[in-house]
């Protein structure tokens, strides 16, 4: 039986793992829960099942494969990398990968918080002013490498490139001052399995954020 990745019917915190599985050509069930419309945004499609799935810490996303049942997006992404023997044996390099992924999660959190904030219109320019600090840091770390950790792609790249793709949707010029990051994202999006998936209707119809969001709640045009 194919493994299951479950989340809302959006990109959100599951898309990095979807990208990883498509990259590797994994067969999996993409189980999607639906949030109701305004004003209630009913979540019962998920909450009615939440505590009946045998999860230790019930949450979305979750990943199930046989007797493995895990939650937390970063744990799922790293597990998928480990499953495909992407993790280095060197403890130092493994720690650096985890550092990178946690740094990207912090960066992602600032953008997600903005997108869901009821005061989005008042806060958006403040986020725009601080965005270069994040992008400069990753541009500097990437340097002349193909991928964050060197010449081989690894799990933090799936997280960062998914986020950068969203940011370019939000502001098509946001990477113009960062040519290395811009080339890095293009390199990722041109990987054969990634390109096929990102050009698919399945990917394009999926909103970045859920219906409560002030940005990203609509499908990509």
N, C-alpha and C. Protein backbone atom coordinates (compact mmCIF):
# COMPACT_ATOMS: atom_id res chain seq x y z
N UNK A 1 0.84 -1.20 0.00
CA UNK A 1 0.00 0.00 0.00
C UNK A 1 0.88 1.25 0.00
N UNK A 2 0.51 2.21 -0.83
CA UNK A 2 1.27 3.45 -0.93
C UNK A 2 1.14 4.26 0.35
N UNK A 3 2.17 5.01 0.70
CA UNK A 3 2.06 5.89 1.88
C UNK A 3 1.05 7.00 1.65
N UNK A 4 0.65 7.63 2.74
CA UNK A 4 -0.32 8.71 2.70
C UNK A 4 0.30 9.98 3.27
N UNK A 5 0.17 11.07 2.53
CA UNK A 5 0.47 12.40 3.05
C UNK A 5 -0.85 13.16 3.12
N UNK A 6 -1.18 13.66 4.27
CA UNK A 6 -2.48 14.32 4.46
C UNK A 6 -2.29 15.76 4.92
N UNK A 7 -3.14 16.63 4.36
CA UNK A 7 -3.11 18.06 4.73
C UNK A 7 -4.41 18.68 4.24
N UNK A 8 -4.55 19.96 4.45
CA UNK A 8 -5.64 20.70 3.82
C UNK A 8 -5.45 20.68 2.31
N UNK A 9 -6.46 21.09 1.56
CA UNK A 9 -6.36 21.10 0.10
C UNK A 9 -5.68 22.37 -0.40
N UNK A 10 -4.51 22.64 0.20
CA UNK A 10 -3.70 23.82 -0.13
C UNK A 10 -2.23 23.38 -0.15
N UNK A 11 -1.36 24.30 -0.49
CA UNK A 11 0.08 24.01 -0.46
C UNK A 11 0.58 24.00 0.99
N UNK A 12 0.50 25.15 1.64
CA UNK A 12 0.81 25.24 3.06
C UNK A 12 2.09 24.53 3.47
N UNK A 13 2.00 23.77 4.55
CA UNK A 13 3.15 23.08 5.13
C UNK A 13 3.37 21.68 4.56
N UNK A 14 2.55 21.28 3.61
CA UNK A 14 2.71 19.94 3.02
C UNK A 14 3.40 19.98 1.67
N UNK A 15 3.43 21.14 1.02
CA UNK A 15 3.90 21.16 -0.37
C UNK A 15 5.36 20.79 -0.50
N UNK A 16 6.18 21.14 0.47
CA UNK A 16 7.59 20.77 0.39
C UNK A 16 7.75 19.25 0.34
N UNK A 17 6.92 18.54 1.09
CA UNK A 17 6.99 17.07 1.09
C UNK A 17 6.37 16.50 -0.19
N UNK A 18 5.32 17.12 -0.69
CA UNK A 18 4.78 16.69 -1.99
C UNK A 18 5.85 16.81 -3.06
N UNK A 19 6.56 17.93 -3.06
CA UNK A 19 7.64 18.14 -4.03
C UNK A 19 8.71 17.07 -3.91
N UNK A 20 9.10 16.77 -2.68
CA UNK A 20 10.10 15.73 -2.46
C UNK A 20 9.65 14.39 -3.03
N UNK A 21 8.40 14.01 -2.81
CA UNK A 21 7.92 12.73 -3.30
C UNK A 21 7.78 12.71 -4.82
N UNK A 22 7.35 13.82 -5.39
CA UNK A 22 7.30 13.88 -6.85
C UNK A 22 8.71 13.83 -7.44
N UNK A 23 9.65 14.49 -6.81
CA UNK A 23 11.04 14.46 -7.27
C UNK A 23 11.56 13.02 -7.36
N UNK A 24 11.21 12.22 -6.36
CA UNK A 24 11.68 10.83 -6.32
C UNK A 24 10.76 9.88 -7.09
N UNK A 25 9.66 10.39 -7.61
CA UNK A 25 8.73 9.52 -8.33
C UNK A 25 7.96 8.58 -7.43
N UNK A 26 7.77 8.97 -6.18
CA UNK A 26 7.05 8.12 -5.23
C UNK A 26 5.54 8.09 -5.54
N UNK A 27 4.97 6.92 -5.45
CA UNK A 27 3.51 6.81 -5.47
C UNK A 27 3.02 7.06 -4.04
N UNK A 28 2.01 7.92 -3.90
CA UNK A 28 1.47 8.19 -2.56
C UNK A 28 0.05 8.69 -2.69
N UNK A 29 -0.72 8.50 -1.61
CA UNK A 29 -2.06 9.07 -1.54
C UNK A 29 -1.94 10.49 -0.99
N UNK A 30 -2.43 11.44 -1.76
CA UNK A 30 -2.42 12.85 -1.36
C UNK A 30 -3.79 13.15 -0.76
N UNK A 31 -3.94 12.85 0.52
CA UNK A 31 -5.24 13.00 1.18
C UNK A 31 -5.44 14.46 1.57
N UNK A 32 -6.55 15.03 1.16
CA UNK A 32 -6.78 16.46 1.38
C UNK A 32 -8.09 16.69 2.14
N UNK A 33 -7.97 17.47 3.21
CA UNK A 33 -9.14 17.88 3.98
C UNK A 33 -9.57 19.27 3.53
N UNK A 34 -10.86 19.54 3.67
CA UNK A 34 -11.42 20.79 3.14
C UNK A 34 -11.93 21.67 4.28
N UNK A 35 -11.51 22.91 4.24
CA UNK A 35 -12.01 23.92 5.18
C UNK A 35 -13.23 24.58 4.55
N UNK A 36 -14.28 24.79 5.35
CA UNK A 36 -15.51 25.38 4.84
C UNK A 36 -15.35 26.86 4.52
N UNK A 37 -16.35 27.44 3.89
CA UNK A 37 -16.29 28.85 3.49
C UNK A 37 -16.51 29.80 4.66
N UNK A 38 -16.27 31.07 4.39
CA UNK A 38 -16.57 32.12 5.37
C UNK A 38 -18.09 32.14 5.62
N UNK A 39 -18.52 32.57 6.78
CA UNK A 39 -17.70 33.16 7.85
C UNK A 39 -17.21 32.15 8.88
N UNK A 40 -17.70 30.90 8.82
CA UNK A 40 -17.37 29.94 9.87
C UNK A 40 -16.07 29.19 9.63
N UNK A 41 -15.68 29.01 8.36
CA UNK A 41 -14.48 28.25 8.03
C UNK A 41 -14.47 26.91 8.76
N UNK A 42 -15.55 26.19 8.60
CA UNK A 42 -15.74 24.92 9.30
C UNK A 42 -14.61 23.93 9.02
N UNK A 43 -14.02 23.39 10.08
CA UNK A 43 -12.87 22.49 9.96
C UNK A 43 -13.23 21.03 10.30
N UNK A 44 -14.52 20.74 10.35
CA UNK A 44 -14.94 19.42 10.82
C UNK A 44 -14.53 18.28 9.90
N UNK A 45 -14.24 18.59 8.65
CA UNK A 45 -13.76 17.53 7.75
C UNK A 45 -12.50 16.90 8.33
N UNK A 46 -11.69 17.72 9.01
CA UNK A 46 -10.49 17.22 9.68
C UNK A 46 -10.77 16.87 11.15
N UNK A 47 -11.39 17.75 11.89
CA UNK A 47 -11.51 17.54 13.33
C UNK A 47 -12.35 16.30 13.68
N UNK A 48 -13.28 15.94 12.81
CA UNK A 48 -14.10 14.75 13.08
C UNK A 48 -13.29 13.47 13.02
N UNK A 49 -12.15 13.51 12.34
CA UNK A 49 -11.30 12.32 12.17
C UNK A 49 -10.01 12.42 12.96
N UNK A 50 -9.68 13.60 13.43
CA UNK A 50 -8.38 13.93 13.99
C UNK A 50 -7.87 12.93 15.04
N UNK A 51 -8.74 12.51 15.95
CA UNK A 51 -8.30 11.66 17.07
C UNK A 51 -8.60 10.18 16.86
N UNK A 52 -8.92 9.81 15.63
CA UNK A 52 -9.24 8.40 15.34
C UNK A 52 -8.23 7.74 14.43
N UNK A 53 -7.10 8.40 14.20
CA UNK A 53 -6.14 7.93 13.20
C UNK A 53 -4.91 7.26 13.80
N UNK A 54 -4.84 7.22 15.12
CA UNK A 54 -3.70 6.58 15.76
C UNK A 54 -2.44 7.43 15.76
N UNK A 55 -2.60 8.75 15.63
CA UNK A 55 -1.45 9.66 15.65
C UNK A 55 -1.10 10.01 17.09
N UNK A 56 0.18 10.01 17.41
CA UNK A 56 0.61 10.38 18.77
C UNK A 56 0.31 11.84 19.07
N UNK A 57 0.53 12.69 18.09
CA UNK A 57 0.27 14.12 18.23
C UNK A 57 -0.55 14.57 17.02
N UNK A 58 -1.86 14.37 17.07
CA UNK A 58 -2.71 14.61 15.91
C UNK A 58 -2.58 16.04 15.37
N UNK A 59 -2.25 16.14 14.11
CA UNK A 59 -2.05 17.44 13.48
C UNK A 59 -1.95 17.24 11.98
N UNK A 60 -2.00 18.33 11.25
CA UNK A 60 -1.75 18.33 9.81
C UNK A 60 -0.50 19.16 9.54
N UNK A 61 0.37 18.68 8.65
CA UNK A 61 0.25 17.44 7.88
C UNK A 61 0.59 16.22 8.72
N UNK A 62 0.12 15.06 8.24
CA UNK A 62 0.60 13.79 8.79
C UNK A 62 1.01 12.89 7.64
N UNK A 63 1.88 11.94 7.98
CA UNK A 63 2.41 11.00 6.99
C UNK A 63 2.29 9.60 7.58
N UNK A 64 1.74 8.69 6.80
CA UNK A 64 1.58 7.31 7.23
C UNK A 64 2.17 6.37 6.18
N UNK A 65 2.95 5.43 6.66
CA UNK A 65 3.53 4.41 5.78
C UNK A 65 3.67 3.13 6.60
N UNK A 66 2.73 2.20 6.40
CA UNK A 66 2.72 1.00 7.23
C UNK A 66 2.45 1.37 8.67
N UNK A 67 3.35 0.93 9.57
CA UNK A 67 3.14 1.25 10.98
C UNK A 67 3.77 2.58 11.39
N UNK A 68 4.34 3.30 10.44
CA UNK A 68 4.88 4.63 10.71
C UNK A 68 3.77 5.66 10.58
N UNK A 69 3.56 6.44 11.65
CA UNK A 69 2.58 7.52 11.63
C UNK A 69 3.21 8.72 12.31
N UNK A 70 3.52 9.75 11.52
CA UNK A 70 4.20 10.92 12.08
C UNK A 70 3.51 12.21 11.65
N UNK A 71 3.68 13.23 12.48
CA UNK A 71 3.23 14.58 12.18
C UNK A 71 4.44 15.51 12.26
N UNK A 72 4.21 16.78 12.01
CA UNK A 72 5.20 17.85 11.97
C UNK A 72 5.90 17.88 10.61
N UNK A 73 5.72 18.99 9.92
CA UNK A 73 6.19 19.09 8.53
C UNK A 73 7.69 18.90 8.39
N UNK A 74 8.48 19.45 9.31
CA UNK A 74 9.93 19.30 9.21
C UNK A 74 10.35 17.85 9.42
N UNK A 75 9.70 17.16 10.35
CA UNK A 75 10.02 15.75 10.60
C UNK A 75 9.66 14.90 9.39
N UNK A 76 8.54 15.19 8.76
CA UNK A 76 8.12 14.43 7.57
C UNK A 76 9.12 14.64 6.44
N UNK A 77 9.50 15.89 6.22
CA UNK A 77 10.44 16.19 5.12
C UNK A 77 11.78 15.49 5.34
N UNK A 78 12.30 15.55 6.56
CA UNK A 78 13.58 14.90 6.83
C UNK A 78 13.46 13.38 6.73
N UNK A 79 12.34 12.83 7.18
CA UNK A 79 12.14 11.38 7.05
C UNK A 79 12.18 10.97 5.58
N UNK A 80 11.52 11.73 4.72
CA UNK A 80 11.51 11.40 3.29
C UNK A 80 12.92 11.45 2.71
N UNK A 81 13.71 12.42 3.15
CA UNK A 81 15.10 12.49 2.70
C UNK A 81 15.87 11.25 3.17
N UNK A 82 15.66 10.87 4.40
CA UNK A 82 16.33 9.69 4.96
C UNK A 82 15.89 8.42 4.23
N UNK A 83 14.61 8.34 3.93
CA UNK A 83 14.06 7.18 3.22
C UNK A 83 14.76 6.99 1.88
N UNK A 84 15.15 8.09 1.26
CA UNK A 84 15.81 8.02 -0.05
C UNK A 84 17.32 8.18 0.05
N UNK A 85 17.86 7.94 1.24
CA UNK A 85 19.32 7.94 1.46
C UNK A 85 19.97 9.25 1.05
N UNK A 86 19.30 10.35 1.31
CA UNK A 86 19.85 11.66 0.99
C UNK A 86 20.68 12.24 2.13
N UNK A 87 20.47 11.76 3.35
CA UNK A 87 21.15 12.35 4.50
C UNK A 87 22.61 11.92 4.54
N UNK A 88 23.50 12.85 4.84
CA UNK A 88 24.92 12.49 4.93
C UNK A 88 25.21 11.67 6.19
N UNK A 89 26.29 10.92 6.16
CA UNK A 89 26.72 10.17 7.34
C UNK A 89 27.40 11.09 8.35
N UNK A 90 28.01 12.15 7.86
CA UNK A 90 28.73 13.09 8.72
C UNK A 90 27.75 13.83 9.63
N UNK A 91 27.96 13.75 10.93
CA UNK A 91 27.06 14.40 11.89
C UNK A 91 27.07 15.91 11.73
N UNK A 92 28.23 16.48 11.42
CA UNK A 92 28.33 17.93 11.24
C UNK A 92 27.46 18.39 10.07
N UNK A 93 27.56 17.71 8.95
CA UNK A 93 26.77 18.08 7.77
C UNK A 93 25.27 17.87 8.03
N UNK A 94 24.95 16.82 8.76
CA UNK A 94 23.54 16.56 9.09
C UNK A 94 22.99 17.68 9.98
N UNK A 95 23.81 18.14 10.93
CA UNK A 95 23.40 19.24 11.81
C UNK A 95 23.20 20.52 11.00
N UNK A 96 24.06 20.75 10.01
CA UNK A 96 23.93 21.93 9.18
C UNK A 96 22.64 21.90 8.36
N UNK A 97 22.27 20.72 7.87
CA UNK A 97 21.01 20.59 7.13
C UNK A 97 19.82 20.93 8.03
N UNK A 98 19.87 20.45 9.26
CA UNK A 98 18.76 20.73 10.19
C UNK A 98 18.72 22.22 10.55
N UNK A 99 19.89 22.82 10.71
CA UNK A 99 19.96 24.26 10.96
C UNK A 99 19.31 25.02 9.81
N UNK A 100 19.68 24.66 8.58
CA UNK A 100 19.12 25.32 7.41
C UNK A 100 17.60 25.19 7.37
N UNK A 101 17.12 23.98 7.58
CA UNK A 101 15.68 23.77 7.48
C UNK A 101 14.93 24.53 8.56
N UNK A 102 15.48 24.59 9.76
CA UNK A 102 14.83 25.37 10.82
C UNK A 102 14.86 26.86 10.51
N UNK A 103 15.96 27.33 9.91
CA UNK A 103 16.04 28.74 9.53
C UNK A 103 14.99 29.07 8.46
N UNK A 104 14.80 28.15 7.52
CA UNK A 104 13.79 28.34 6.47
C UNK A 104 12.39 28.32 7.09
N UNK A 105 12.17 27.44 8.06
CA UNK A 105 10.86 27.39 8.72
C UNK A 105 10.56 28.71 9.42
N UNK A 106 11.58 29.31 10.04
CA UNK A 106 11.38 30.62 10.67
C UNK A 106 11.01 31.68 9.63
N UNK A 107 11.72 31.67 8.52
CA UNK A 107 11.45 32.58 7.41
C UNK A 107 10.03 32.36 6.89
N UNK A 108 9.68 31.12 6.68
CA UNK A 108 8.34 30.77 6.21
C UNK A 108 7.28 31.29 7.20
N UNK A 109 7.56 31.13 8.47
CA UNK A 109 6.61 31.54 9.49
C UNK A 109 6.28 33.03 9.43
N UNK A 110 7.28 33.85 9.11
CA UNK A 110 7.02 35.29 9.02
C UNK A 110 6.07 35.60 7.86
N UNK A 111 6.24 34.87 6.75
CA UNK A 111 5.38 35.10 5.59
C UNK A 111 3.97 34.57 5.84
N UNK A 112 3.88 33.39 6.40
CA UNK A 112 2.56 32.81 6.68
C UNK A 112 1.79 33.68 7.67
N UNK A 113 2.49 34.17 8.69
CA UNK A 113 1.82 35.04 9.67
C UNK A 113 1.25 36.28 9.01
N UNK A 114 2.01 36.85 8.09
CA UNK A 114 1.51 38.01 7.34
C UNK A 114 0.27 37.64 6.54
N UNK A 115 0.35 36.52 5.82
CA UNK A 115 -0.74 36.14 4.91
C UNK A 115 -2.06 35.92 5.62
N UNK A 116 -2.01 35.44 6.87
CA UNK A 116 -3.24 35.15 7.61
C UNK A 116 -3.66 36.29 8.54
N UNK A 117 -2.85 37.31 8.63
CA UNK A 117 -3.15 38.39 9.58
C UNK A 117 -4.31 39.24 9.08
N UNK A 118 -5.33 39.46 9.92
CA UNK A 118 -6.45 40.32 9.51
C UNK A 118 -6.01 41.73 9.12
N UNK A 119 -4.85 42.16 9.64
CA UNK A 119 -4.32 43.48 9.34
C UNK A 119 -3.29 43.43 8.22
N UNK A 120 -3.44 42.48 7.32
CA UNK A 120 -2.48 42.28 6.22
C UNK A 120 -2.13 43.59 5.52
N UNK A 121 -3.12 44.36 5.16
CA UNK A 121 -2.87 45.58 4.37
C UNK A 121 -2.01 46.58 5.14
N UNK A 122 -2.13 46.59 6.46
CA UNK A 122 -1.34 47.51 7.27
C UNK A 122 0.08 46.99 7.48
N UNK A 123 0.24 45.67 7.44
CA UNK A 123 1.53 45.06 7.79
C UNK A 123 2.40 44.70 6.59
N UNK A 124 1.80 44.69 5.40
CA UNK A 124 2.51 44.14 4.24
C UNK A 124 3.78 44.93 3.91
N UNK A 125 3.74 46.25 4.04
CA UNK A 125 4.94 47.04 3.70
C UNK A 125 6.06 46.82 4.71
N UNK A 126 5.69 46.56 5.97
CA UNK A 126 6.71 46.23 6.96
C UNK A 126 7.40 44.92 6.62
N UNK A 127 6.63 43.94 6.18
CA UNK A 127 7.23 42.68 5.74
C UNK A 127 8.11 42.90 4.52
N UNK A 128 7.64 43.69 3.58
CA UNK A 128 8.41 43.96 2.36
C UNK A 128 9.76 44.61 2.70
N UNK A 129 9.75 45.47 3.71
CA UNK A 129 10.99 46.15 4.10
C UNK A 129 11.99 45.20 4.74
N UNK A 130 11.49 44.17 5.42
CA UNK A 130 12.38 43.22 6.11
C UNK A 130 12.77 42.04 5.24
N UNK A 131 12.05 41.82 4.14
CA UNK A 131 12.31 40.67 3.28
C UNK A 131 13.76 40.61 2.79
N UNK A 132 14.38 41.72 2.39
CA UNK A 132 15.77 41.65 1.94
C UNK A 132 16.73 41.04 2.96
N UNK A 133 16.46 41.23 4.25
CA UNK A 133 17.33 40.63 5.27
C UNK A 133 17.37 39.12 5.14
N UNK A 134 16.19 38.51 4.92
CA UNK A 134 16.11 37.06 4.76
C UNK A 134 16.78 36.63 3.45
N UNK A 135 16.45 37.33 2.38
CA UNK A 135 16.95 36.92 1.07
C UNK A 135 18.47 37.09 0.96
N UNK A 136 19.00 38.17 1.53
CA UNK A 136 20.45 38.38 1.52
C UNK A 136 21.17 37.25 2.24
N UNK A 137 20.61 36.82 3.37
CA UNK A 137 21.24 35.75 4.15
C UNK A 137 21.32 34.45 3.36
N UNK A 138 20.24 34.11 2.68
CA UNK A 138 20.24 32.86 1.90
C UNK A 138 21.06 33.00 0.62
N UNK A 139 21.06 34.19 0.01
CA UNK A 139 21.91 34.43 -1.16
C UNK A 139 23.39 34.25 -0.78
N UNK A 140 23.76 34.79 0.37
CA UNK A 140 25.14 34.68 0.84
C UNK A 140 25.50 33.23 1.16
N UNK A 141 24.59 32.52 1.83
CA UNK A 141 24.88 31.12 2.19
C UNK A 141 24.99 30.25 0.94
N UNK A 142 24.11 30.48 -0.01
CA UNK A 142 24.15 29.69 -1.25
C UNK A 142 25.44 29.91 -2.00
N UNK A 143 25.86 31.16 -2.11
CA UNK A 143 27.09 31.46 -2.82
C UNK A 143 27.07 30.92 -4.24
N UNK A 144 28.14 30.25 -4.61
CA UNK A 144 28.26 29.69 -5.95
C UNK A 144 27.90 28.21 -6.01
N UNK A 145 27.29 27.71 -4.95
CA UNK A 145 26.90 26.30 -4.93
C UNK A 145 25.61 26.10 -5.75
N UNK A 146 25.42 24.90 -6.23
CA UNK A 146 24.17 24.59 -6.92
C UNK A 146 23.00 24.50 -5.95
N UNK A 147 23.28 23.93 -4.76
CA UNK A 147 22.25 23.71 -3.75
C UNK A 147 22.77 24.20 -2.41
N UNK A 148 21.91 24.34 -1.45
CA UNK A 148 22.31 24.94 -0.18
C UNK A 148 23.47 24.21 0.47
N UNK A 149 23.47 22.87 0.37
CA UNK A 149 24.52 22.11 1.05
C UNK A 149 25.64 21.66 0.11
N UNK A 150 25.64 22.15 -1.11
CA UNK A 150 26.72 21.78 -2.03
C UNK A 150 26.21 21.41 -3.41
N UNK A 151 26.76 20.35 -3.96
CA UNK A 151 26.41 19.96 -5.32
C UNK A 151 25.23 18.99 -5.38
N UNK A 152 24.78 18.51 -4.25
CA UNK A 152 23.65 17.58 -4.22
C UNK A 152 22.46 18.23 -3.52
N UNK A 153 21.29 18.09 -4.12
CA UNK A 153 20.07 18.61 -3.52
C UNK A 153 19.75 17.86 -2.23
N UNK A 154 19.17 18.57 -1.27
CA UNK A 154 18.77 17.90 -0.03
C UNK A 154 17.50 18.55 0.50
N UNK A 155 17.03 18.03 1.63
CA UNK A 155 15.66 18.39 2.03
C UNK A 155 15.43 19.88 2.29
N UNK A 156 16.41 20.68 2.79
CA UNK A 156 16.11 22.10 2.95
C UNK A 156 15.83 22.81 1.63
N UNK A 157 16.40 22.32 0.53
CA UNK A 157 16.16 22.94 -0.77
C UNK A 157 14.69 22.87 -1.17
N UNK A 158 14.03 21.77 -0.84
CA UNK A 158 12.61 21.63 -1.18
C UNK A 158 11.78 22.64 -0.39
N UNK A 159 12.16 22.88 0.84
CA UNK A 159 11.47 23.85 1.68
C UNK A 159 11.68 25.27 1.17
N UNK A 160 12.95 25.63 0.93
CA UNK A 160 13.24 27.01 0.51
C UNK A 160 12.68 27.30 -0.88
N UNK A 161 12.85 26.37 -1.81
CA UNK A 161 12.38 26.65 -3.18
C UNK A 161 10.85 26.75 -3.23
N UNK A 162 10.16 25.95 -2.43
CA UNK A 162 8.70 26.08 -2.39
C UNK A 162 8.31 27.46 -1.86
N UNK A 163 9.01 27.91 -0.83
CA UNK A 163 8.72 29.23 -0.26
C UNK A 163 9.06 30.34 -1.26
N UNK A 164 10.22 30.24 -1.92
CA UNK A 164 10.60 31.25 -2.90
C UNK A 164 9.59 31.32 -4.04
N UNK A 165 9.08 30.17 -4.45
CA UNK A 165 8.06 30.14 -5.50
C UNK A 165 6.82 30.94 -5.06
N UNK A 166 6.43 30.78 -3.81
CA UNK A 166 5.30 31.56 -3.29
C UNK A 166 5.62 33.05 -3.26
N UNK A 167 6.82 33.38 -2.83
CA UNK A 167 7.19 34.79 -2.73
C UNK A 167 7.21 35.46 -4.10
N UNK A 168 7.63 34.73 -5.12
CA UNK A 168 7.61 35.28 -6.48
C UNK A 168 6.17 35.47 -6.96
N UNK A 169 5.28 34.59 -6.54
CA UNK A 169 3.85 34.81 -6.83
C UNK A 169 3.35 36.07 -6.13
N UNK A 170 3.81 36.28 -4.93
CA UNK A 170 3.39 37.45 -4.13
C UNK A 170 3.95 38.75 -4.72
N UNK A 171 5.22 38.70 -5.14
CA UNK A 171 5.87 39.87 -5.75
C UNK A 171 6.85 39.35 -6.80
N UNK A 172 6.49 39.49 -8.05
CA UNK A 172 7.28 38.90 -9.13
C UNK A 172 8.69 39.47 -9.24
N UNK A 173 8.96 40.60 -8.57
CA UNK A 173 10.29 41.22 -8.66
C UNK A 173 11.15 40.95 -7.43
N UNK A 174 10.66 40.18 -6.48
CA UNK A 174 11.34 40.11 -5.17
C UNK A 174 12.72 39.47 -5.25
N UNK A 175 13.01 38.67 -6.27
CA UNK A 175 14.32 38.04 -6.39
C UNK A 175 15.24 38.75 -7.38
N UNK A 176 14.78 39.85 -7.95
CA UNK A 176 15.57 40.51 -8.99
C UNK A 176 16.94 40.96 -8.49
N UNK A 177 17.03 41.32 -7.23
CA UNK A 177 18.30 41.80 -6.66
C UNK A 177 19.16 40.65 -6.14
N UNK A 178 18.68 39.42 -6.33
CA UNK A 178 19.38 38.25 -5.79
C UNK A 178 19.55 37.20 -6.90
N UNK A 179 20.49 37.45 -7.80
CA UNK A 179 20.62 36.59 -8.99
C UNK A 179 20.94 35.14 -8.67
N UNK A 180 21.65 34.90 -7.59
CA UNK A 180 22.00 33.52 -7.25
C UNK A 180 20.76 32.75 -6.77
N UNK A 181 19.95 33.41 -5.96
CA UNK A 181 18.70 32.78 -5.52
C UNK A 181 17.74 32.59 -6.68
N UNK A 182 17.71 33.56 -7.57
CA UNK A 182 16.82 33.47 -8.73
C UNK A 182 17.22 32.30 -9.62
N UNK A 183 18.52 32.13 -9.85
CA UNK A 183 19.01 31.01 -10.66
C UNK A 183 18.79 29.68 -9.94
N UNK A 184 18.94 29.70 -8.64
CA UNK A 184 18.72 28.51 -7.81
C UNK A 184 17.28 28.03 -7.91
N UNK A 185 16.33 28.96 -7.79
CA UNK A 185 14.92 28.58 -7.91
C UNK A 185 14.62 28.04 -9.31
N UNK A 186 15.16 28.68 -10.33
CA UNK A 186 14.95 28.21 -11.70
C UNK A 186 15.52 26.81 -11.88
N UNK A 187 16.70 26.59 -11.31
CA UNK A 187 17.34 25.26 -11.39
C UNK A 187 16.44 24.20 -10.76
N UNK A 188 15.86 24.53 -9.63
CA UNK A 188 14.96 23.60 -8.95
C UNK A 188 13.73 23.32 -9.80
N UNK A 189 13.13 24.38 -10.32
CA UNK A 189 11.88 24.24 -11.07
C UNK A 189 12.07 23.55 -12.42
N UNK A 190 13.34 23.45 -12.87
CA UNK A 190 13.62 22.77 -14.13
C UNK A 190 14.01 21.30 -13.93
N UNK A 191 14.09 20.83 -12.70
CA UNK A 191 14.33 19.40 -12.48
C UNK A 191 13.16 18.63 -13.11
N UNK A 192 13.42 17.60 -13.90
CA UNK A 192 12.36 17.00 -14.73
C UNK A 192 11.08 16.65 -13.99
N UNK A 193 11.17 15.92 -12.90
CA UNK A 193 9.94 15.53 -12.19
C UNK A 193 9.26 16.72 -11.52
N UNK A 194 10.06 17.67 -11.06
CA UNK A 194 9.50 18.88 -10.45
C UNK A 194 8.79 19.71 -11.52
N UNK A 195 9.42 19.88 -12.66
CA UNK A 195 8.84 20.66 -13.76
C UNK A 195 7.49 20.06 -14.18
N UNK A 196 7.45 18.75 -14.35
CA UNK A 196 6.21 18.09 -14.75
C UNK A 196 5.11 18.33 -13.73
N UNK A 197 5.46 18.19 -12.45
CA UNK A 197 4.46 18.38 -11.40
C UNK A 197 4.01 19.83 -11.32
N UNK A 198 4.95 20.77 -11.37
CA UNK A 198 4.58 22.18 -11.20
C UNK A 198 3.81 22.73 -12.39
N UNK A 199 3.89 22.05 -13.51
CA UNK A 199 3.11 22.46 -14.69
C UNK A 199 1.75 21.76 -14.74
N UNK A 200 1.51 20.87 -13.80
CA UNK A 200 0.27 20.10 -13.81
C UNK A 200 -0.89 20.90 -13.24
N UNK A 201 -2.10 20.52 -13.62
CA UNK A 201 -3.30 21.14 -13.08
C UNK A 201 -3.40 20.88 -11.58
N UNK A 202 -2.95 19.72 -11.16
CA UNK A 202 -2.96 19.35 -9.74
C UNK A 202 -2.24 20.40 -8.91
N UNK A 203 -1.06 20.83 -9.38
CA UNK A 203 -0.29 21.82 -8.64
C UNK A 203 -0.89 23.21 -8.80
N UNK A 204 -1.23 23.57 -10.02
CA UNK A 204 -1.65 24.94 -10.31
C UNK A 204 -2.98 25.31 -9.66
N UNK A 205 -3.85 24.33 -9.46
CA UNK A 205 -5.16 24.64 -8.89
C UNK A 205 -5.12 24.76 -7.37
N UNK A 206 -4.01 24.36 -6.76
CA UNK A 206 -3.94 24.31 -5.30
C UNK A 206 -3.51 25.66 -4.74
N UNK A 207 -4.32 26.31 -3.91
CA UNK A 207 -3.94 27.60 -3.33
C UNK A 207 -2.76 27.45 -2.38
N UNK A 208 -2.06 28.54 -2.18
CA UNK A 208 -0.96 28.53 -1.21
C UNK A 208 -1.49 28.41 0.22
N UNK A 209 -2.58 29.13 0.49
CA UNK A 209 -3.11 29.22 1.85
C UNK A 209 -4.59 28.90 1.89
N UNK A 210 -5.10 28.74 3.10
CA UNK A 210 -6.50 28.36 3.27
C UNK A 210 -7.42 29.58 3.16
N UNK A 211 -8.68 29.32 3.23
CA UNK A 211 -9.69 30.32 2.91
C UNK A 211 -9.66 31.53 3.84
N UNK A 212 -9.11 31.36 5.06
CA UNK A 212 -9.07 32.49 6.00
C UNK A 212 -8.00 33.52 5.62
N UNK A 213 -7.06 33.13 4.76
CA UNK A 213 -5.90 33.97 4.47
C UNK A 213 -6.29 35.23 3.71
N UNK A 214 -5.51 36.28 3.93
CA UNK A 214 -5.70 37.55 3.22
C UNK A 214 -4.91 37.58 1.92
N UNK A 215 -3.94 36.69 1.80
CA UNK A 215 -3.22 36.51 0.53
C UNK A 215 -3.01 35.01 0.31
N UNK A 216 -3.13 34.59 -0.94
CA UNK A 216 -2.79 33.22 -1.31
C UNK A 216 -3.91 32.22 -1.17
N UNK A 217 -5.14 32.68 -0.97
CA UNK A 217 -6.25 31.74 -0.82
C UNK A 217 -6.86 31.33 -2.15
N UNK A 218 -6.40 31.95 -3.24
CA UNK A 218 -6.90 31.59 -4.56
C UNK A 218 -5.90 30.76 -5.33
N UNK A 219 -6.38 29.98 -6.29
CA UNK A 219 -5.49 29.15 -7.11
C UNK A 219 -4.61 30.02 -7.99
N UNK A 220 -3.44 29.48 -8.34
CA UNK A 220 -2.52 30.17 -9.24
C UNK A 220 -3.15 30.28 -10.62
N UNK A 221 -3.01 31.43 -11.23
CA UNK A 221 -3.57 31.65 -12.57
C UNK A 221 -2.60 31.14 -13.63
